[in-house]
Amino acid sequence: MKKITSALAAVTLLGGLALGAGSASAAPMAISGLQAGQPGITQVRMSSSERMMLKKRMMRKKMMRRHMMKKRMMNRM
């Protein structure tokens, strides 16, 4: 029992250290939201048709997710 709890504690500690190091080593962001070392990136605007296509895709995904959940609930009963 002691071995399992000590192993869990070690894994938790190592996982926390890995997450902390990952967030601390992130490159600083410039004010404009772009990273400092990438001047070649330009922002482009989305047209209304592109925005509508994205919206429709998201709505379809949400609808399919709801459909799957409803199907699962009906199969469980």
Protein backbone atom coordinates (compact mmCIF):
# COMPACT_ATOMS: atom_id res chain seq x y z
CA MET A 1 0.00 0.00 0.00
CA LYS A 2 2.83 2.37 0.88
CA LYS A 3 4.55 1.58 -2.43
CA ILE A 4 1.45 2.53 -4.41
CA THR A 5 0.92 5.82 -2.57
CA SER A 6 4.59 6.76 -2.88
CA ALA A 7 4.51 5.92 -6.61
CA LEU A 8 1.40 8.07 -7.08
CA ALA A 9 3.02 10.94 -5.20
CA ALA A 10 6.16 10.69 -7.36
CA VAL A 11 4.14 10.65 -10.58
CA THR A 12 2.11 13.66 -9.45
CA LEU A 13 5.25 15.57 -8.50
CA LEU A 14 6.97 14.79 -11.82
CA GLY A 15 3.86 15.69 -13.78
CA GLY A 16 3.58 19.02 -11.98
CA LEU A 17 7.23 19.78 -12.67
CA ALA A 18 6.84 18.93 -16.35
CA LEU A 19 3.80 21.19 -16.68
CA GLY A 20 5.51 23.99 -14.80
CA ALA A 21 8.62 23.80 -16.98
CA GLY A 22 6.52 23.75 -20.15
CA SER A 23 4.61 26.89 -19.27
CA ALA A 24 7.71 28.69 -17.97
CA SER A 25 9.73 28.01 -21.12
CA ALA A 26 7.13 29.50 -23.46
CA ALA A 27 8.44 32.27 -25.68
CA PRO A 28 7.30 35.77 -24.68
CA MET A 29 4.53 37.19 -26.80
CA ALA A 30 4.62 40.62 -28.38
CA ILE A 31 1.85 43.16 -27.79
CA SER A 32 0.28 42.45 -31.19
CA GLY A 33 -0.17 38.78 -30.24
CA LEU A 34 2.53 37.47 -32.60
CA GLN A 35 5.75 35.91 -31.41
CA ALA A 36 8.76 38.19 -31.59
CA GLY A 37 10.80 35.97 -33.93
CA GLN A 38 8.20 35.65 -36.71
CA PRO A 39 7.87 38.91 -38.69
CA GLY A 40 6.61 37.12 -41.84
CA ILE A 41 3.12 36.38 -40.45
CA THR A 42 0.34 38.69 -41.57
CA GLN A 43 -3.22 38.80 -40.34
CA VAL A 44 -6.01 38.41 -42.87
CA ARG A 45 -9.70 39.08 -42.50
CA MET A 46 -12.34 36.43 -42.97
CA SER A 47 -15.04 37.13 -45.50
CA SER A 48 -18.67 36.82 -44.46
CA SER A 49 -19.11 33.66 -46.56
CA GLU A 50 -16.13 32.00 -44.84
CA ARG A 51 -17.51 33.01 -41.45
CA MET A 52 -20.90 31.55 -42.36
CA MET A 53 -19.30 28.29 -43.51
CA LEU A 54 -17.48 27.99 -40.18
CA LYS A 55 -20.66 28.74 -38.27
CA LYS A 56 -22.60 26.11 -40.21
CA ARG A 57 -19.87 23.54 -39.62
CA MET A 58 -19.88 24.23 -35.89
CA MET A 59 -23.67 24.01 -35.74
CA ARG A 60 -23.58 20.70 -37.61
CA LYS A 61 -20.96 19.30 -35.21
CA LYS A 62 -23.04 20.39 -32.23
CA MET A 63 -26.17 18.83 -33.73
CA MET A 64 -24.39 15.53 -34.41
CA ARG A 65 -23.00 15.49 -30.87
CA ARG A 66 -26.50 16.00 -29.46
CA HIS A 67 -27.83 13.27 -31.72
CA MET A 68 -25.16 10.82 -30.55
CA MET A 69 -25.83 11.60 -26.90
CA LYS A 70 -29.57 11.17 -27.35
CA LYS A 71 -29.00 7.85 -29.12
CA ARG A 72 -26.77 6.66 -26.28
CA MET A 73 -29.33 7.62 -23.66
CA MET A 74 -32.10 5.80 -25.51
CA ASN A 75 -29.96 2.65 -25.86
CA ARG A 76 -29.20 2.63 -22.13
CA MET A 77 -32.88 2.43 -21.17
